[in-house]
PDB file of all heavy atoms in Angstrom:
ATOM      1  N   ALA A   1      54.356  18.608  31.805  1.00  0.00           N
ATOM      2  CA  ALA A   1      53.505  19.631  31.289  1.00  0.00           C
ATOM      3  C   ALA A   1      53.144  19.351  29.834  1.00  0.00           C
ATOM      4  O   ALA A   1      51.976  19.497  29.407  1.00  0.00           O
ATOM      5  CB  ALA A   1      54.222  21.026  31.374  1.00  0.00           C
ATOM      6  N   GLU A   2      54.121  18.894  29.023  1.00  0.00           N
ATOM      7  CA  GLU A   2      53.846  18.549  27.647  1.00  0.00           C
ATOM      8  C   GLU A   2      52.914  17.399  27.520  1.00  0.00           C
ATOM      9  O   GLU A   2      52.014  17.380  26.641  1.00  0.00           O
ATOM     10  CB  GLU A   2      55.135  18.139  26.947  1.00  0.00           C
ATOM     11  CG  GLU A   2      56.078  19.354  26.664  1.00  0.00           C
ATOM     12  CD  GLU A   2      57.387  18.900  26.061  1.00  0.00           C
ATOM     13  OE1 GLU A   2      58.131  18.116  26.737  1.00  0.00           O
ATOM     14  OE2 GLU A   2      57.736  19.341  24.948  1.00  0.00           O
ATOM     15  N   LEU A   3      53.042  16.369  28.401  1.00  0.00           N
ATOM     16  CA  LEU A   3      52.162  15.249  28.386  1.00  0.00           C
ATOM     17  C   LEU A   3      50.711  15.654  28.636  1.00  0.00           C
ATOM     18  O   LEU A   3      49.814  15.291  28.023  1.00  0.00           O
ATOM     19  CB  LEU A   3      52.583  14.211  29.379  1.00  0.00           C
ATOM     20  CG  LEU A   3      51.870  12.855  29.284  1.00  0.00           C
ATOM     21  CD1 LEU A   3      52.448  12.015  28.103  1.00  0.00           C
ATOM     22  CD2 LEU A   3      52.017  12.061  30.562  1.00  0.00           C
ATOM     23  N   LYS A   4      50.585  16.496  29.684  1.00  0.00           N
ATOM     24  CA  LYS A   4      49.237  17.033  30.079  1.00  0.00           C
ATOM     25  C   LYS A   4      48.589  17.824  28.944  1.00  0.00           C
ATOM     26  O   LYS A   4      47.423  17.729  28.680  1.00  0.00           O
ATOM     27  CB  LYS A   4      49.305  17.821  31.363  1.00  0.00           C
ATOM     28  CG  LYS A   4      48.010  18.235  31.907  1.00  0.00           C
ATOM     29  CD  LYS A   4      48.100  18.962  33.240  1.00  0.00           C
ATOM     30  CE  LYS A   4      46.814  19.339  33.777  1.00  0.00           C
ATOM     31  NZ  LYS A   4      46.902  20.050  35.081  1.00  0.00           N
ATOM     32  N   GLN A   5      49.390  18.679  28.347  1.00  0.00           N
ATOM     33  CA  GLN A   5      48.853  19.656  27.341  1.00  0.00           C
ATOM     34  C   GLN A   5      48.519  18.926  26.017  1.00  0.00           C
ATOM     35  O   GLN A   5      47.516  19.175  25.397  1.00  0.00           O
ATOM     36  CB  GLN A   5      49.837  20.727  27.054  1.00  0.00           C
ATOM     37  CG  GLN A   5      49.373  21.731  25.992  1.00  0.00           C
ATOM     38  CD  GLN A   5      50.352  22.889  25.764  1.00  0.00           C
ATOM     39  OE1 GLN A   5      51.271  23.048  26.562  1.00  0.00           O
ATOM     40  NE2 GLN A   5      50.186  23.577  24.724  1.00  0.00           N
ATOM     41  N   ASN A   6      49.390  17.966  25.592  1.00  0.00           N
ATOM     42  CA  ASN A   6      49.269  17.373  24.253  1.00  0.00           C
ATOM     43  C   ASN A   6      48.713  15.975  24.172  1.00  0.00           C
ATOM     44  O   ASN A   6      48.341  15.470  23.117  1.00  0.00           O
ATOM     45  CB  ASN A   6      50.606  17.445  23.570  1.00  0.00           C
ATOM     46  CG  ASN A   6      51.135  18.859  23.462  1.00  0.00           C
ATOM     47  OD1 ASN A   6      50.392  19.818  23.208  1.00  0.00           O
ATOM     48  ND2 ASN A   6      52.436  19.024  23.564  1.00  0.00           N
ATOM     49  N   HIS A   7      48.704  15.303  25.368  1.00  0.00           N
ATOM     50  CA  HIS A   7      48.373  13.783  25.306  1.00  0.00           C
ATOM     51  C   HIS A   7      47.393  13.430  26.393  1.00  0.00           C
ATOM     52  O   HIS A   7      47.469  12.275  26.923  1.00  0.00           O
ATOM     53  CB  HIS A   7      49.641  13.023  25.388  1.00  0.00           C
ATOM     54  CG  HIS A   7      50.718  13.355  24.402  1.00  0.00           C
ATOM     55  ND1 HIS A   7      50.559  13.056  23.024  1.00  0.00           N
ATOM     56  CD2 HIS A   7      51.862  14.167  24.530  1.00  0.00           C
ATOM     57  CE1 HIS A   7      51.663  13.549  22.406  1.00  0.00           C
ATOM     58  NE2 HIS A   7      52.391  14.209  23.233  1.00  0.00           N
ATOM     59  N   SER A   8      46.535  14.320  26.834  1.00  0.00           N
ATOM     60  CA  SER A   8      45.607  14.048  27.881  1.00  0.00           C
ATOM     61  C   SER A   8      44.315  13.349  27.420  1.00  0.00           C
ATOM     62  O   SER A   8      43.576  12.745  28.205  1.00  0.00           O
ATOM     63  CB  SER A   8      45.220  15.305  28.713  1.00  0.00           C
ATOM     64  OG  SER A   8      44.610  16.229  27.822  1.00  0.00           O
ATOM     65  N   LYS A   9      43.986  13.364  26.138  1.00  0.00           N
ATOM     66  CA  LYS A   9      42.826  12.760  25.647  1.00  0.00           C
ATOM     67  C   LYS A   9      43.102  11.273  25.317  1.00  0.00           C
ATOM     68  O   LYS A   9      44.278  10.941  25.193  1.00  0.00           O
ATOM     69  CB  LYS A   9      42.244  13.485  24.425  1.00  0.00           C
ATOM     70  CG  LYS A   9      41.804  14.888  24.771  1.00  0.00           C
ATOM     71  CD  LYS A   9      41.169  15.583  23.546  1.00  0.00           C
ATOM     72  CE  LYS A   9      40.693  16.994  23.862  1.00  0.00           C
ATOM     73  NZ  LYS A   9      40.063  17.657  22.698  1.00  0.00           N
ATOM     74  N   MET A  10      42.073  10.498  25.193  1.00  0.00           N
ATOM     75  CA  MET A  10      42.263   9.063  24.915  1.00  0.00           C
ATOM     76  C   MET A  10      41.434   8.561  23.780  1.00  0.00           C
ATOM     77  O   MET A  10      40.546   7.681  23.912  1.00  0.00           O
ATOM     78  CB  MET A  10      41.921   8.264  26.237  1.00  0.00           C
ATOM     79  CG  MET A  10      42.789   8.684  27.414  1.00  0.00           C
ATOM     80  SD  MET A  10      42.703   7.592  28.787  1.00  0.00           S
ATOM     81  CE  MET A  10      43.626   6.198  28.201  1.00  0.00           C
ATOM     82  N   PRO A  11      41.714   9.037  22.603  1.00  0.00           N
ATOM     83  CA  PRO A  11      40.989   8.567  21.382  1.00  0.00           C
ATOM     84  C   PRO A  11      41.530   7.139  21.002  1.00  0.00           C
ATOM     85  O   PRO A  11      42.620   6.753  21.396  1.00  0.00           O
ATOM     86  CB  PRO A  11      41.336   9.559  20.347  1.00  0.00           C
ATOM     87  CG  PRO A  11      42.742  10.047  20.726  1.00  0.00           C
ATOM     88  CD  PRO A  11      42.719  10.043  22.242  1.00  0.00           C
ATOM     89  N   HIS A  12      40.814   6.408  20.260  1.00  0.00           N
ATOM     90  CA  HIS A  12      41.281   5.155  19.678  1.00  0.00           C
ATOM     91  C   HIS A  12      40.294   4.722  18.611  1.00  0.00           C
ATOM     92  O   HIS A  12      39.353   5.401  18.291  1.00  0.00           O
ATOM     93  CB  HIS A  12      41.483   4.078  20.752  1.00  0.00           C
ATOM     94  CG  HIS A  12      42.678   3.184  20.471  1.00  0.00           C
ATOM     95  ND1 HIS A  12      43.119   2.907  19.215  1.00  0.00           N
ATOM     96  CD2 HIS A  12      43.451   2.544  21.360  1.00  0.00           C
ATOM     97  CE1 HIS A  12      44.175   2.142  19.295  1.00  0.00           C
ATOM     98  NE2 HIS A  12      44.432   1.900  20.554  1.00  0.00           N
ATOM     99  N   GLY A  13      40.575   3.551  18.054  1.00  0.00           N
ATOM    100  CA  GLY A  13      39.715   2.989  17.030  1.00  0.00           C
ATOM    101  C   GLY A  13      40.433   1.948  16.225  1.00  0.00           C
ATOM    102  O   GLY A  13      41.535   1.497  16.628  1.00  0.00           O
ATOM    103  N   GLY A  14      39.912   1.541  15.114  1.00  0.00           N
ATOM    104  CA  GLY A  14      40.568   0.551  14.313  1.00  0.00           C
ATOM    105  C   GLY A  14      39.645  -0.118  13.348  1.00  0.00           C
ATOM    106  O   GLY A  14      38.434   0.308  13.182  1.00  0.00           O
ATOM    107  N   PHE A  15      40.202  -1.134  12.645  1.00  0.00           N
ATOM    108  CA  PHE A  15      39.451  -1.828  11.575  1.00  0.00           C
ATOM    109  C   PHE A  15      39.668  -3.304  11.720  1.00  0.00           C
ATOM    110  O   PHE A  15      40.828  -3.775  11.997  1.00  0.00           O
ATOM    111  CB  PHE A  15      39.946  -1.358  10.200  1.00  0.00           C
ATOM    112  CG  PHE A  15      40.095   0.102  10.022  1.00  0.00           C
ATOM    113  CD1 PHE A  15      41.251   0.737  10.431  1.00  0.00           C
ATOM    114  CD2 PHE A  15      39.056   0.841   9.434  1.00  0.00           C
ATOM    115  CE1 PHE A  15      41.365   2.085  10.204  1.00  0.00           C
ATOM    116  CE2 PHE A  15      39.200   2.171   9.230  1.00  0.00           C
ATOM    117  CZ  PHE A  15      40.359   2.840   9.632  1.00  0.00           C
ATOM    118  N   VAL A  16      38.632  -4.073  11.427  1.00  0.00           N
ATOM    119  CA  VAL A  16      38.754  -5.550  11.134  1.00  0.00           C
ATOM    120  C   VAL A  16      38.330  -5.680   9.666  1.00  0.00           C
ATOM    121  O   VAL A  16      37.204  -5.324   9.366  1.00  0.00           O
ATOM    122  CB  VAL A  16      37.971  -6.404  12.048  1.00  0.00           C
ATOM    123  CG1 VAL A  16      37.973  -7.852  11.582  1.00  0.00           C
ATOM    124  CG2 VAL A  16      38.410  -6.343  13.504  1.00  0.00           C
ATOM    125  N   ILE A  17      39.168  -6.259   8.839  1.00  0.00           N
ATOM    126  CA  ILE A  17      38.878  -6.389   7.415  1.00  0.00           C
ATOM    127  C   ILE A  17      39.080  -7.875   7.089  1.00  0.00           C
ATOM    128  O   ILE A  17      40.105  -8.437   7.334  1.00  0.00           O
ATOM    129  CB  ILE A  17      39.726  -5.513   6.563  1.00  0.00           C
ATOM    130  CG1 ILE A  17      39.668  -4.059   6.983  1.00  0.00           C
ATOM    131  CG2 ILE A  17      39.320  -5.691   5.094  1.00  0.00           C
ATOM    132  CD1 ILE A  17      40.669  -3.126   6.241  1.00  0.00           C
ATOM    133  N   ARG A  18      37.980  -8.484   6.488  1.00  0.00           N
ATOM    134  CA  ARG A  18      38.117  -9.844   5.934  1.00  0.00           C
ATOM    135  C   ARG A  18      38.097  -9.736   4.441  1.00  0.00           C
ATOM    136  O   ARG A  18      37.099  -9.201   3.846  1.00  0.00           O
ATOM    137  CB  ARG A  18      36.962 -10.745   6.423  1.00  0.00           C
ATOM    138  CG  ARG A  18      36.953 -12.129   5.849  1.00  0.00           C
ATOM    139  CD  ARG A  18      38.040 -13.002   6.542  1.00  0.00           C
ATOM    140  NE  ARG A  18      38.002 -14.391   6.030  1.00  0.00           N
ATOM    141  CZ  ARG A  18      38.863 -15.321   6.396  1.00  0.00           C
ATOM    142  NH1 ARG A  18      39.836 -15.016   7.241  1.00  0.00           N
ATOM    143  NH2 ARG A  18      38.755 -16.574   5.924  1.00  0.00           N
ATOM    144  N   SER A  19      39.153 -10.184   3.794  1.00  0.00           N
ATOM    145  CA  SER A  19      39.243 -10.177   2.354  1.00  0.00           C
ATOM    146  C   SER A  19      39.065 -11.658   1.840  1.00  0.00           C
ATOM    147  O   SER A  19      39.937 -12.414   2.173  1.00  0.00           O
ATOM    148  CB  SER A  19      40.557  -9.565   1.899  1.00  0.00           C
ATOM    149  OG  SER A  19      40.705  -9.629   0.538  1.00  0.00           O
ATOM    150  N   GLY A  20      37.981 -11.876   1.144  1.00  0.00           N
ATOM    151  CA  GLY A  20      37.731 -13.290   0.759  1.00  0.00           C
ATOM    152  C   GLY A  20      37.466 -13.388  -0.772  1.00  0.00           C
ATOM    153  O   GLY A  20      37.272 -12.402  -1.410  1.00  0.00           O
ATOM    154  N   LYS A  21      37.486 -14.610  -1.195  1.00  0.00           N
ATOM    155  CA  LYS A  21      37.208 -14.975  -2.600  1.00  0.00           C
ATOM    156  C   LYS A  21      36.127 -15.942  -2.650  1.00  0.00           C
ATOM    157  O   LYS A  21      36.014 -16.895  -1.909  1.00  0.00           O
ATOM    158  CB  LYS A  21      38.453 -15.597  -3.225  1.00  0.00           C
ATOM    159  CG  LYS A  21      39.724 -14.759  -3.173  1.00  0.00           C
ATOM    160  CD  LYS A  21      39.732 -13.683  -4.292  1.00  0.00           C
ATOM    161  CE  LYS A  21      41.038 -12.948  -4.362  1.00  0.00           C
ATOM    162  NZ  LYS A  21      41.050 -11.982  -5.474  1.00  0.00           N
ATOM    163  N   THR A  22      35.174 -15.702  -3.621  1.00  0.00           N
ATOM    164  CA  THR A  22      34.121 -16.677  -3.925  1.00  0.00           C
ATOM    165  C   THR A  22      34.105 -16.901  -5.418  1.00  0.00           C
ATOM    166  O   THR A  22      34.802 -16.249  -6.232  1.00  0.00           O
ATOM    167  CB  THR A  22      32.729 -16.112  -3.433  1.00  0.00           C
ATOM    168  OG1 THR A  22      32.468 -14.906  -4.104  1.00  0.00           O
ATOM    169  CG2 THR A  22      32.670 -15.895  -1.978  1.00  0.00           C
ATOM    170  N   GLY A  23      33.200 -17.864  -5.864  1.00  0.00           N
ATOM    171  CA  GLY A  23      33.173 -18.141  -7.252  1.00  0.00           C
ATOM    172  C   GLY A  23      33.866 -19.413  -7.611  1.00  0.00           C
ATOM    173  O   GLY A  23      34.741 -19.892  -6.838  1.00  0.00           O
ATOM    174  N   VAL A  24      33.555 -20.050  -8.788  1.00  0.00           N
ATOM    175  CA  VAL A  24      34.121 -21.279  -9.139  1.00  0.00           C
ATOM    176  C   VAL A  24      35.664 -21.213  -9.228  1.00  0.00           C
ATOM    177  O   VAL A  24      36.318 -22.122  -8.787  1.00  0.00           O
ATOM    178  CB  VAL A  24      33.594 -21.711 -10.565  1.00  0.00           C
ATOM    179  CG1 VAL A  24      34.239 -23.008 -11.068  1.00  0.00           C
ATOM    180  CG2 VAL A  24      32.072 -21.958 -10.437  1.00  0.00           C
ATOM    181  N   ASP A  25      36.157 -20.113  -9.766  1.00  0.00           N
ATOM    182  CA  ASP A  25      37.626 -19.987  -9.896  1.00  0.00           C
ATOM    183  C   ASP A  25      38.191 -18.933  -8.985  1.00  0.00           C
ATOM    184  O   ASP A  25      39.195 -18.302  -9.282  1.00  0.00           O
ATOM    185  CB  ASP A  25      38.005 -19.682 -11.390  1.00  0.00           C
ATOM    186  CG  ASP A  25      37.561 -20.798 -12.332  1.00  0.00           C
ATOM    187  OD1 ASP A  25      37.829 -21.959 -11.996  1.00  0.00           O
ATOM    188  OD2 ASP A  25      36.963 -20.516 -13.376  1.00  0.00           O
ATOM    189  N   GLU A  26      37.495 -18.629  -7.919  1.00  0.00           N
ATOM    190  CA  GLU A  26      37.918 -17.606  -6.936  1.00  0.00           C
ATOM    191  C   GLU A  26      38.069 -16.265  -7.574  1.00  0.00           C
ATOM    192  O   GLU A  26      38.926 -15.474  -7.345  1.00  0.00           O
ATOM    193  CB  GLU A  26      39.230 -18.016  -6.217  1.00  0.00           C
ATOM    194  CG  GLU A  26      39.154 -19.280  -5.472  1.00  0.00           C
ATOM    195  CD  GLU A  26      40.407 -19.634  -4.731  1.00  0.00           C
ATOM    196  OE1 GLU A  26      41.325 -18.771  -4.693  1.00  0.00           O
ATOM    197  OE2 GLU A  26      40.503 -20.693  -4.173  1.00  0.00           O
ATOM    198  N   GLU A  27      37.115 -16.003  -8.575  1.00  0.00           N
ATOM    199  CA  GLU A  27      37.294 -14.763  -9.352  1.00  0.00           C
ATOM    200  C   GLU A  27      36.594 -13.519  -8.736  1.00  0.00           C
ATOM    201  O   GLU A  27      36.738 -12.418  -9.272  1.00  0.00           O
ATOM    202  CB  GLU A  27      36.700 -14.999 -10.709  1.00  0.00           C
ATOM    203  CG  GLU A  27      35.179 -15.146 -10.823  1.00  0.00           C
ATOM    204  CD  GLU A  27      34.646 -16.538 -10.526  1.00  0.00           C
ATOM    205  OE1 GLU A  27      35.402 -17.371 -10.039  1.00  0.00           O
ATOM    206  OE2 GLU A  27      33.492 -16.798 -10.762  1.00  0.00           O
ATOM    207  N   THR A  28      35.838 -13.777  -7.637  1.00  0.00           N
ATOM    208  CA  THR A  28      35.076 -12.673  -7.100  1.00  0.00           C
ATOM    209  C   THR A  28      35.638 -12.214  -5.757  1.00  0.00           C
ATOM    210  O   THR A  28      35.857 -13.034  -4.806  1.00  0.00           O
ATOM    211  CB  THR A  28      33.592 -13.118  -6.847  1.00  0.00           C
ATOM    212  OG1 THR A  28      33.092 -13.655  -8.056  1.00  0.00           O
ATOM    213  CG2 THR A  28      32.742 -11.902  -6.396  1.00  0.00           C
TER     214      THR A  28
END
């Protein structure tokens, strides 16, 4: 009963993040 009442929906999501450096001395 608790599972049905509180956990019946199926949301999700997330992130892909690329952290990079550019510039002569990787300053950017």
